Amino acid sequence: MKRTWMIFALLGVCLLSGCATYHISTQSLAEQFANSGTEAKINVNGNDLRTITVLDKKGTKEELFVTRSTGMKITKKDGKHTTVYFDTILLTDSTLSGCKTHFFNSRIKPIKFADISKIELQK
């Protein structure tokens, strides 16, 4: 019984500490997307970035490898937020769009850069 409890406690700690959150400014995002292109994925179109430079919670720069599971939470100035997969993000004319799923091409309503207050990435 005690061993089972220890295993569940260890799994809980691993799950809670496994997701790191990183931040990026809209200006830095636009600069890093400047040389990227569009890539056709299985069911959706997205960007071809393989790495992105972000800031951790201490403000230290880190190079984050982009995978299919890299998530991006966009918080707008009105407090509303949208979560998309980073590899589906496309930037066009100072607007950002992406998909909430990899299964079908259901793009979110484009968000203007001027309306974004915070961008967070999770691996």
Protein backbone atom coordinates (compact mmCIF):
# COMPACT_ATOMS: atom_id res chain seq x y z
CA MET A 1 0.00 0.00 0.00
CA LYS A 2 2.75 2.42 0.95
CA ARG A 3 4.68 1.56 -2.23
CA THR A 4 1.62 2.22 -4.43
CA TRP A 5 1.13 5.62 -2.77
CA MET A 6 4.78 6.50 -3.40
CA ILE A 7 4.48 5.58 -7.09
CA PHE A 8 1.40 7.77 -7.54
CA ALA A 9 3.07 10.65 -5.69
CA LEU A 10 6.16 10.39 -7.90
CA LEU A 11 4.04 10.29 -11.08
CA GLY A 12 2.11 13.37 -9.92
CA VAL A 13 5.30 15.34 -9.31
CA CYS A 14 6.67 14.32 -12.73
CA LEU A 15 3.47 15.38 -14.48
CA LEU A 16 3.29 18.74 -12.72
CA SER A 17 6.93 19.61 -13.31
CA GLY A 18 7.09 18.39 -16.93
CA CYS A 19 5.58 21.42 -18.68
CA ALA A 20 7.79 24.47 -18.94
CA THR A 21 6.28 27.78 -19.99
CA TYR A 22 8.23 30.27 -22.08
CA HIS A 23 7.45 33.82 -23.21
CA ILE A 24 8.06 35.70 -26.45
CA SER A 25 7.22 39.23 -27.56
CA THR A 26 5.25 39.91 -30.72
CA GLN A 27 8.26 41.76 -32.15
CA SER A 28 10.60 38.83 -31.55
CA LEU A 29 8.04 36.42 -33.02
CA ALA A 30 7.70 38.55 -36.17
CA GLU A 31 11.49 38.79 -36.55
CA GLN A 32 11.94 35.03 -36.25
CA PHE A 33 9.13 34.40 -38.74
CA ALA A 34 10.64 36.84 -41.27
CA ASN A 35 12.73 34.14 -42.94
CA SER A 36 10.31 31.26 -42.50
CA GLY A 37 8.03 29.79 -45.11
CA THR A 38 4.79 27.87 -45.29
CA GLU A 39 4.89 24.11 -45.01
CA ALA A 40 2.13 21.68 -45.91
CA LYS A 41 1.49 19.33 -43.00
CA ILE A 42 -0.67 16.20 -43.16
CA ASN A 43 -4.02 17.97 -42.63
CA VAL A 44 -3.09 21.62 -42.06
CA ASN A 45 -0.67 24.26 -43.33
CA GLY A 46 1.80 25.89 -40.99
CA ASN A 47 5.27 27.35 -40.64
CA ASP A 48 8.57 25.58 -41.24
CA LEU A 49 10.41 26.78 -38.11
CA ARG A 50 12.31 24.02 -36.28
CA THR A 51 13.60 26.16 -33.38
CA ILE A 52 12.52 29.41 -31.77
CA THR A 53 14.29 31.69 -29.31
CA VAL A 54 12.16 32.32 -26.20
CA LEU A 55 12.56 33.60 -22.64
CA ASP A 56 12.06 31.39 -19.59
CA LYS A 57 10.39 32.67 -16.41
CA LYS A 58 13.72 34.16 -15.22
CA GLY A 59 14.17 36.08 -18.48
CA THR A 60 16.97 33.87 -19.78
CA LYS A 61 17.07 33.24 -23.54
CA GLU A 62 16.58 29.62 -24.58
CA GLU A 63 16.40 27.85 -27.91
CA LEU A 64 13.20 25.79 -28.00
CA PHE A 65 12.83 22.93 -30.49
CA VAL A 66 9.43 23.05 -32.18
CA THR A 67 7.51 19.78 -32.24
CA ARG A 68 3.93 18.86 -33.14
CA SER A 69 3.01 19.14 -29.45
CA THR A 70 4.45 22.63 -28.87
CA GLY A 71 1.52 24.76 -27.74
CA MET A 72 1.10 28.52 -27.91
CA LYS A 73 -1.26 30.53 -25.69
CA ILE A 74 -2.11 33.98 -27.02
CA THR A 75 -3.57 36.45 -24.52
CA LYS A 76 -5.28 39.50 -25.98
CA LYS A 77 -5.47 42.93 -24.34
CA ASP A 78 -9.16 42.35 -23.51
CA GLY A 79 -8.17 39.33 -21.34
CA LYS A 80 -9.40 36.63 -23.71
CA HIS A 81 -6.95 33.93 -24.74
CA THR A 82 -6.59 31.40 -27.53
CA THR A 83 -4.45 28.26 -27.60
CA VAL A 84 -3.04 26.87 -30.85
CA TYR A 85 -0.30 24.50 -31.95
CA PHE A 86 2.87 26.47 -32.73
CA ASP A 87 3.68 24.53 -35.91
CA THR A 88 0.35 25.66 -37.42
CA ILE A 89 0.98 29.39 -36.87
CA LEU A 90 1.09 31.65 -39.92
CA LEU A 91 1.88 35.39 -39.89
CA THR A 92 0.45 37.61 -42.60
CA ASP A 93 0.17 41.40 -42.68
CA SER A 94 0.63 41.89 -38.90
CA THR A 95 -1.96 39.23 -38.06
CA LEU A 96 -1.48 35.80 -36.56
CA SER A 97 -3.54 32.71 -37.32
CA GLY A 98 -3.23 29.03 -36.47
CA CYS A 99 -5.11 25.81 -35.73
CA LYS A 100 -6.34 24.33 -32.47
CA THR A 101 -5.98 20.81 -33.85
CA HIS A 102 -3.81 18.83 -36.24
CA PHE A 103 -6.71 16.64 -37.37
CA PHE A 104 -8.40 19.09 -39.73
CA ASN A 105 -7.84 22.62 -41.00
CA SER A 106 -9.96 24.66 -38.58
CA ARG A 107 -8.09 27.95 -38.39
CA ILE A 108 -8.78 30.42 -35.60
CA LYS A 109 -10.01 33.91 -36.35
CA PRO A 110 -6.89 35.98 -37.23
CA ILE A 111 -5.55 38.03 -34.31
CA LYS A 112 -3.97 41.44 -34.94
CA PHE A 113 -0.52 41.95 -33.39
CA ALA A 114 -1.74 45.22 -31.85
CA ASP A 115 -4.38 43.27 -29.87
CA ILE A 116 -1.89 40.80 -28.30
CA SER A 117 -0.69 41.43 -24.76
CA LYS A 118 1.21 38.17 -24.08
CA ILE A 119 2.43 35.06 -25.92
CA GLU A 120 3.37 31.91 -24.02
CA LEU A 121 4.80 28.66 -25.40
CA GLN A 122 4.76 25.23 -23.80
CA LYS A 123 6.65 22.18 -24.89
